[in-house]
C-alpha atoms as a PDB file:
ATOM      1  CA  MET A   1      23.085  62.178 145.431  1.00  0.00           C
ATOM      2  CA  LYS A   2      19.849  63.382 146.640  1.00  0.00           C
ATOM      3  CA  ARG A   3      19.986  65.716 143.729  1.00  0.00           C
ATOM      4  CA  GLU A   4      20.428  62.949 141.392  1.00  0.00           C
ATOM      5  CA  ASN A   5      16.979  61.152 143.591  1.00  0.00           C
ATOM      6  CA  ILE A   6      14.655  64.227 142.710  1.00  0.00           C
ATOM      7  CA  GLU A   7      15.796  63.890 139.070  1.00  0.00           C
ATOM      8  CA  ILE A   8      15.313  60.535 138.538  1.00  0.00           C
ATOM      9  CA  ALA A   9      11.493  60.321 140.202  1.00  0.00           C
ATOM     10  CA  VAL A  10      10.395  63.586 138.237  1.00  0.00           C
ATOM     11  CA  GLY A  11      11.620  61.711 135.241  1.00  0.00           C
ATOM     12  CA  ILE A  12       9.228  58.379 135.745  1.00  0.00           C
ATOM     13  CA  PHE A  13       6.232  61.139 137.000  1.00  0.00           C
ATOM     14  CA  VAL A  14       6.916  62.649 133.699  1.00  0.00           C
ATOM     15  CA  LEU A  15       6.745  59.473 131.584  1.00  0.00           C
ATOM     16  CA  ILE A  16       3.938  58.280 133.761  1.00  0.00           C
ATOM     17  CA  GLY A  17       2.402  61.531 132.456  1.00  0.00           C
ATOM     18  CA  ILE A  18       3.022  60.884 128.921  1.00  0.00           C
ATOM     19  CA  LEU A  19       1.500  57.417 129.234  1.00  0.00           C
ATOM     20  CA  ALA A  20      -1.329  58.231 130.621  1.00  0.00           C
ATOM     21  CA  LEU A  21      -2.074  61.088 127.910  1.00  0.00           C
ATOM     22  CA  GLY A  22      -1.518  58.508 125.450  1.00  0.00           C
ATOM     23  CA  TYR A  23      -3.857  55.906 126.576  1.00  0.00           C
ATOM     24  CA  LEU A  24      -6.690  58.328 127.068  1.00  0.00           C
ATOM     25  CA  SER A  25      -6.199  60.106 123.913  1.00  0.00           C
ATOM     26  CA  PHE A  26      -6.798  56.599 122.110  1.00  0.00           C
ATOM     27  CA  ARG A  27      -9.601  55.678 124.388  1.00  0.00           C
ATOM     28  CA  LEU A  28     -11.688  58.946 123.928  1.00  0.00           C
ATOM     29  CA  GLY A  29     -10.515  58.749 120.078  1.00  0.00           C
ATOM     30  CA  LYS A  30     -12.183  55.874 119.844  1.00  0.00           C
ATOM     31  CA  ILE A  31      -9.082  54.620 117.678  1.00  0.00           C
ATOM     32  CA  GLU A  32      -8.242  50.808 117.658  1.00  0.00           C
ATOM     33  CA  LEU A  33      -5.345  49.380 117.491  1.00  0.00           C
ATOM     34  CA  PHE A  34      -6.612  46.367 116.800  1.00  0.00           C
ATOM     35  CA  SER A  35      -9.199  46.009 115.231  1.00  0.00           C
ATOM     36  CA  ALA A  36     -12.611  43.879 116.527  1.00  0.00           C
ATOM     37  CA  ASP A  37     -13.294  41.215 113.537  1.00  0.00           C
ATOM     38  CA  SER A  38     -16.245  43.006 112.054  1.00  0.00           C
ATOM     39  CA  TYR A  39     -18.444  43.080 108.840  1.00  0.00           C
ATOM     40  CA  THR A  40     -19.320  45.516 106.792  1.00  0.00           C
ATOM     41  CA  ILE A  41     -23.440  46.384 105.790  1.00  0.00           C
ATOM     42  CA  TYR A  42     -25.128  49.422 104.439  1.00  0.00           C
ATOM     43  CA  ALA A  43     -28.335  50.994 104.927  1.00  0.00           C
ATOM     44  CA  GLU A  44     -30.103  53.792 102.803  1.00  0.00           C
ATOM     45  CA  PHE A  45     -32.023  56.845 104.117  1.00  0.00           C
ATOM     46  CA  ASP A  46     -33.564  59.888 103.249  1.00  0.00           C
ATOM     47  CA  LYS A  47     -32.197  61.878 105.818  1.00  0.00           C
ATOM     48  CA  VAL A  48     -29.655  60.998 108.493  1.00  0.00           C
ATOM     49  CA  GLY A  49     -29.655  63.847 110.628  1.00  0.00           C
ATOM     50  CA  GLY A  50     -26.941  63.966 112.239  1.00  0.00           C
ATOM     51  CA  ILE A  51     -25.120  60.772 112.063  1.00  0.00           C
ATOM     52  CA  LYS A  52     -21.301  60.656 111.336  1.00  0.00           C
ATOM     53  CA  LYS A  53     -18.370  58.858 111.173  1.00  0.00           C
ATOM     54  CA  GLY A  54     -17.963  57.312 114.573  1.00  0.00           C
ATOM     55  CA  SER A  55     -21.768  56.863 115.510  1.00  0.00           C
ATOM     56  CA  VAL A  56     -22.771  54.263 117.531  1.00  0.00           C
ATOM     57  CA  VAL A  57     -25.002  51.162 116.302  1.00  0.00           C
ATOM     58  CA  GLU A  58     -26.829  49.609 119.061  1.00  0.00           C
ATOM     59  CA  ILE A  59     -29.359  46.602 119.500  1.00  0.00           C
ATOM     60  CA  ALA A  60     -32.005  46.707 123.039  1.00  0.00           C
ATOM     61  CA  GLY A  61     -29.657  49.460 123.891  1.00  0.00           C
ATOM     62  CA  VAL A  62     -26.085  47.366 123.628  1.00  0.00           C
ATOM     63  CA  PRO A  63     -23.674  48.660 120.933  1.00  0.00           C
ATOM     64  CA  ILE A  64     -22.820  46.398 118.052  1.00  0.00           C
ATOM     65  CA  GLY A  65     -20.834  48.472 115.759  1.00  0.00           C
ATOM     66  CA  SER A  66     -20.357  52.047 114.590  1.00  0.00           C
ATOM     67  CA  VAL A  67     -20.590  54.300 111.408  1.00  0.00           C
ATOM     68  CA  GLU A  68     -17.740  54.005 108.995  1.00  0.00           C
ATOM     69  CA  ARG A  69     -18.759  56.803 106.573  1.00  0.00           C
ATOM     70  CA  VAL A  70     -21.770  58.248 105.566  1.00  0.00           C
ATOM     71  CA  SER A  71     -22.238  59.457 101.759  1.00  0.00           C
ATOM     72  CA  ILE A  72     -25.227  60.192  98.739  1.00  0.00           C
ATOM     73  CA  ASN A  73     -25.912  58.053  96.153  1.00  0.00           C
ATOM     74  CA  ASP A  74     -27.041  59.380  92.518  1.00  0.00           C
ATOM     75  CA  LYS A  75     -30.930  58.630  93.987  1.00  0.00           C
ATOM     76  CA  TYR A  76     -29.433  61.953  96.558  1.00  0.00           C
ATOM     77  CA  HIS A  77     -30.573  59.765  99.030  1.00  0.00           C
ATOM     78  CA  ALA A  78     -27.851  59.037 102.514  1.00  0.00           C
ATOM     79  CA  VAL A  79     -26.306  55.600 102.141  1.00  0.00           C
ATOM     80  CA  VAL A  80     -24.765  54.153 105.496  1.00  0.00           C
ATOM     81  CA  GLU A  81     -21.381  52.424 105.958  1.00  0.00           C
ATOM     82  CA  ILE A  82     -21.791  50.476 109.184  1.00  0.00           C
ATOM     83  CA  LYS A  83     -19.617  48.031 110.641  1.00  0.00           C
ATOM     84  CA  ILE A  84     -20.557  45.365 112.714  1.00  0.00           C
ATOM     85  CA  ARG A  85     -19.276  42.707 115.533  1.00  0.00           C
ATOM     86  CA  SER A  86     -18.556  39.735 113.143  1.00  0.00           C
ATOM     87  CA  SER A  87     -20.335  37.623 116.465  1.00  0.00           C
ATOM     88  CA  ILE A  88     -23.695  38.994 115.398  1.00  0.00           C
ATOM     89  CA  LYS A  89     -25.629  37.925 112.630  1.00  0.00           C
ATOM     90  CA  LEU A  90     -28.489  40.301 111.341  1.00  0.00           C
ATOM     91  CA  PRO A  91     -31.626  38.692 109.950  1.00  0.00           C
ATOM     92  CA  ASP A  92     -32.444  39.984 106.280  1.00  0.00           C
ATOM     93  CA  ASP A  93     -35.602  41.746 107.220  1.00  0.00           C
ATOM     94  CA  SER A  94     -33.930  43.701 110.162  1.00  0.00           C
ATOM     95  CA  ILE A  95     -34.710  47.451 110.551  1.00  0.00           C
ATOM     96  CA  ALA A  96     -32.365  50.022 110.985  1.00  0.00           C
ATOM     97  CA  SER A  97     -33.592  53.522 112.224  1.00  0.00           C
ATOM     98  CA  ILE A  98     -31.749  56.879 113.444  1.00  0.00           C
ATOM     99  CA  ARG A  99     -32.316  57.749 117.090  1.00  0.00           C
ATOM    100  CA  THR A 100     -31.540  60.271 119.158  1.00  0.00           C
ATOM    101  CA  LYS A 101     -29.973  60.050 122.725  1.00  0.00           C
ATOM    102  CA  GLY A 102     -32.276  62.447 125.208  1.00  0.00           C
ATOM    103  CA  LEU A 103     -34.425  65.321 123.809  1.00  0.00           C
ATOM    104  CA  ILE A 104     -31.801  66.592 122.697  1.00  0.00           C
ATOM    105  CA  GLY A 105     -28.811  64.152 122.610  1.00  0.00           C
ATOM    106  CA  GLU A 106     -26.272  62.695 120.017  1.00  0.00           C
ATOM    107  CA  LYS A 107     -27.872  60.725 117.099  1.00  0.00           C
ATOM    108  CA  TYR A 108     -27.334  57.060 116.536  1.00  0.00           C
ATOM    109  CA  ILE A 109     -28.592  53.704 114.409  1.00  0.00           C
ATOM    110  CA  GLN A 110     -31.228  51.415 116.745  1.00  0.00           C
ATOM    111  CA  ILE A 111     -31.918  47.805 114.618  1.00  0.00           C
ATOM    112  CA  THR A 112     -34.665  46.001 115.104  1.00  0.00           C
ATOM    113  CA  PRO A 113     -33.528  42.638 114.247  1.00  0.00           C
ATOM    114  CA  GLY A 114     -36.208  41.017 112.068  1.00  0.00           C
ATOM    115  CA  GLY A 115     -37.796  37.037 112.816  1.00  0.00           C
ATOM    116  CA  SER A 116     -36.232  35.384 108.819  1.00  0.00           C
ATOM    117  CA  ASP A 117     -33.930  32.707 108.866  1.00  0.00           C
ATOM    118  CA  ARG A 118     -32.003  34.230 106.491  1.00  0.00           C
ATOM    119  CA  TYR A 119     -28.974  36.720 107.613  1.00  0.00           C
ATOM    120  CA  ILE A 120     -27.468  39.974 105.802  1.00  0.00           C
ATOM    121  CA  ALA A 121     -24.399  38.811 103.977  1.00  0.00           C
ATOM    122  CA  LYS A 122     -21.168  41.166 104.497  1.00  0.00           C
ATOM    123  CA  GLY A 123     -21.110  43.810 101.748  1.00  0.00           C
ATOM    124  CA  GLY A 124     -25.394  43.274 102.104  1.00  0.00           C
ATOM    125  CA  ARG A 125     -27.571  46.251 102.924  1.00  0.00           C
ATOM    126  CA  ILE A 126     -30.129  46.922 105.629  1.00  0.00           C
ATOM    127  CA  ARG A 127     -33.816  47.289 103.148  1.00  0.00           C
ATOM    128  CA  GLU A 128     -36.241  49.061 105.673  1.00  0.00           C
ATOM    129  CA  THR A 129     -34.974  52.240 107.213  1.00  0.00           C
ATOM    130  CA  GLU A 130     -36.833  54.718 109.087  1.00  0.00           C
ATOM    131  CA  SER A 131     -34.663  58.176 108.385  1.00  0.00           C
ATOM    132  CA  SER A 132     -34.372  60.757 111.229  1.00  0.00           C
ATOM    133  CA  ILE A 133     -37.560  63.222 112.219  1.00  0.00           C
ATOM    134  CA  ASP A 134     -36.499  66.682 112.418  1.00  0.00           C
ATOM    135  CA  ILE A 135     -37.899  67.948 115.459  1.00  0.00           C
ATOM    136  CA  GLU A 136     -37.778  71.674 114.158  1.00  0.00           C
ATOM    137  CA  GLU A 137     -40.390  70.817 111.014  1.00  0.00           C
ATOM    138  CA  VAL A 138     -42.282  68.894 113.350  1.00  0.00           C
ATOM    139  CA  LEU A 139     -42.712  72.453 115.385  1.00  0.00           C
ATOM    140  CA  SER A 140     -42.744  74.481 112.606  1.00  0.00           C
ATOM    141  CA  LYS A 141     -45.973  72.718 110.897  1.00  0.00           C
ATOM    142  CA  TYR A 142     -47.885  72.348 113.493  1.00  0.00           C
ATOM    143  CA  VAL A 143     -46.914  76.304 114.676  1.00  0.00           C
ATOM    144  CA  PHE A 144     -47.806  77.310 111.100  1.00  0.00           C
ATOM    145  CA  GLY A 145     -51.366  75.000 111.531  1.00  0.00           C
ATOM    146  CA  LYS A 146     -50.200  72.469 108.912  1.00  0.00           C
ATOM    147  CA  ILE A 147     -50.711  69.342 111.276  1.00  0.00           C
END
Protein backbone atom coordinates (compact mmCIF):
# COMPACT_ATOMS: atom_id res chain seq x y z
CA MET A 1 0.00 0.00 0.00
CA LYS A 2 2.78 2.42 0.90
CA ARG A 3 4.60 1.73 -2.39
CA GLU A 4 1.45 2.63 -4.38
CA ASN A 5 1.22 6.03 -2.62
CA ILE A 6 4.84 6.82 -3.51
CA GLU A 7 4.25 5.84 -7.15
CA ILE A 8 1.14 8.04 -7.35
CA ALA A 9 3.02 11.00 -5.81
CA VAL A 10 5.91 10.56 -8.26
CA GLY A 11 3.46 10.31 -11.17
CA ILE A 12 1.72 13.54 -10.14
CA PHE A 13 5.08 15.28 -9.75
CA VAL A 14 6.20 14.14 -13.23
CA LEU A 15 2.89 15.27 -14.75
CA ILE A 16 3.22 18.73 -13.15
CA GLY A 17 6.79 18.94 -14.47
CA ILE A 18 5.70 18.07 -18.02
CA LEU A 19 2.90 20.66 -17.92
CA ALA A 20 5.34 23.31 -16.63
CA LEU A 21 7.81 22.55 -19.43
CA GLY A 22 5.04 22.76 -22.02
CA TYR A 23 3.89 26.11 -20.65
CA LEU A 24 7.45 27.51 -20.66
CA SER A 25 8.01 26.26 -24.21
CA PHE A 26 5.03 28.22 -25.46
CA ARG A 27 5.87 31.35 -23.45
CA LEU A 28 9.58 31.48 -24.30
CA GLY A 29 8.99 30.49 -27.91
CA LYS A 30 6.42 33.29 -28.22
CA ILE A 31 3.91 30.85 -29.67
CA GLU A 32 0.30 31.97 -29.55
CA LEU A 33 -2.35 29.29 -29.33
CA PHE A 34 -5.13 31.79 -29.83
CA SER A 35 -3.89 34.60 -32.04
CA ALA A 36 -4.81 38.08 -30.95
CA ASP A 37 -6.87 40.25 -33.29
CA SER A 38 -4.36 42.05 -35.51
CA TYR A 39 -3.70 43.46 -38.96
CA THR A 40 -0.68 43.50 -41.24
CA ILE A 41 1.23 46.50 -42.61
CA TYR A 42 4.50 46.78 -44.52
CA ALA A 43 7.59 48.97 -44.28
CA GLU A 44 10.50 49.23 -46.74
CA PHE A 45 14.04 49.83 -45.44
CA ASP A 46 17.44 50.23 -47.11
CA LYS A 47 19.01 48.05 -44.38
CA VAL A 48 17.34 46.11 -41.58
CA GLY A 49 20.55 45.13 -39.73
CA GLY A 50 19.35 42.40 -37.37
CA ILE A 51 15.56 42.64 -37.60
CA LYS A 52 14.08 39.15 -37.91
CA LYS A 53 10.80 37.33 -37.47
CA GLY A 54 9.53 37.87 -33.93
CA SER A 55 11.30 41.20 -33.38
CA VAL A 56 9.27 43.60 -31.28
CA VAL A 57 7.43 46.64 -32.67
CA GLU A 58 6.95 49.48 -30.17
CA ILE A 59 5.39 52.90 -29.78
CA ALA A 60 6.78 54.96 -26.87
CA GLY A 61 8.40 51.83 -25.41
CA VAL A 62 5.15 49.84 -25.38
CA PRO A 63 5.01 46.66 -27.52
CA ILE A 64 2.18 46.88 -30.08
CA GLY A 65 3.12 44.12 -32.47
CA SER A 66 5.83 41.99 -33.99
CA VAL A 67 7.70 41.34 -37.23
CA GLU A 68 6.16 38.51 -39.23
CA ARG A 69 8.55 38.32 -42.16
CA VAL A 70 11.53 40.05 -43.74
CA SER A 71 12.06 39.78 -47.49
CA ILE A 72 13.74 41.64 -50.32
CA ASN A 73 11.99 43.36 -53.23
CA ASP A 74 13.00 43.93 -56.85
CA LYS A 75 14.78 47.21 -55.91
CA TYR A 76 16.96 45.30 -53.41
CA HIS A 77 15.33 46.94 -50.41
CA ALA A 78 14.24 45.02 -47.35
CA VAL A 79 10.47 44.71 -46.95
CA VAL A 80 9.29 44.06 -43.40
CA GLU A 81 5.84 42.58 -42.76
CA ILE A 82 4.56 43.86 -39.42
CA LYS A 83 1.62 42.49 -37.43
CA ILE A 84 -0.05 45.23 -35.32
CA ARG A 85 -2.77 44.80 -32.66
CA SER A 86 -6.09 45.84 -34.16
CA SER A 87 -6.76 48.23 -31.24
CA ILE A 88 -3.84 50.39 -32.46
CA LYS A 89 -4.55 52.72 -35.37
CA LEU A 90 -1.47 54.25 -36.99
CA PRO A 91 -1.68 57.61 -38.78
CA ASP A 92 -0.57 57.36 -42.42
CA ASP A 93 2.34 59.75 -41.82
CA SER A 94 3.93 57.57 -39.11
CA ILE A 95 7.67 56.86 -39.19
CA ALA A 96 9.20 53.39 -38.65
CA SER A 97 12.78 53.33 -37.32
CA ILE A 98 15.10 50.44 -36.53
CA ARG A 99 16.58 50.85 -33.06
CA THR A 100 18.79 48.86 -30.70
CA LYS A 101 18.02 48.11 -27.06
CA GLY A 102 21.15 49.17 -25.22
CA LEU A 103 24.57 49.46 -26.83
CA ILE A 104 24.72 45.98 -28.39
CA GLY A 105 21.25 44.68 -27.59
CA GLU A 106 18.57 43.24 -29.81
CA LYS A 107 17.03 45.21 -32.66
CA TYR A 108 13.42 46.35 -32.70
CA ILE A 109 11.18 48.64 -34.73
CA GLN A 110 10.08 51.89 -33.17
CA ILE A 111 7.07 53.59 -34.70
CA THR A 112 6.62 57.31 -34.23
CA PRO A 113 2.98 58.23 -34.92
CA GLY A 114 2.31 61.21 -37.12
CA GLY A 115 -0.42 63.80 -36.84
CA SER A 116 -2.57 62.87 -39.82
CA ASP A 117 -6.31 62.27 -39.55
CA ARG A 118 -6.07 59.32 -41.95
CA TYR A 119 -4.90 55.88 -40.82
CA ILE A 120 -2.89 53.12 -42.47
CA ALA A 121 -5.29 50.49 -43.78
CA LYS A 122 -4.86 46.73 -43.45
CA GLY A 123 -2.19 45.68 -45.93
CA GLY A 124 -1.00 49.29 -46.24
CA ARG A 125 2.52 50.51 -45.80
CA ILE A 126 4.53 52.99 -43.78
CA ARG A 127 6.07 55.44 -46.24
CA GLU A 128 8.69 57.04 -44.00
CA THR A 129 11.40 54.74 -42.63
CA GLU A 130 14.80 55.12 -40.98
CA SER A 131 17.21 52.26 -41.58
CA SER A 132 19.51 50.67 -39.07
CA ILE A 133 22.74 52.48 -38.19
CA ASP A 134 25.74 50.19 -38.59
CA ILE A 135 28.14 50.97 -35.72
CA GLU A 136 31.03 49.17 -37.43
CA GLU A 137 30.59 51.28 -40.57
CA VAL A 138 30.57 54.51 -38.55
CA LEU A 139 33.67 53.47 -36.58
CA SER A 140 35.59 52.51 -39.72
CA LYS A 141 34.78 55.86 -41.33
CA TYR A 142 35.98 57.64 -38.19
CA VAL A 143 39.18 55.59 -37.93
CA PHE A 144 40.09 56.13 -41.57
CA GLY A 145 39.25 59.84 -41.46
CA LYS A 146 36.22 59.86 -43.75
CA ILE A 147 34.03 61.72 -41.27
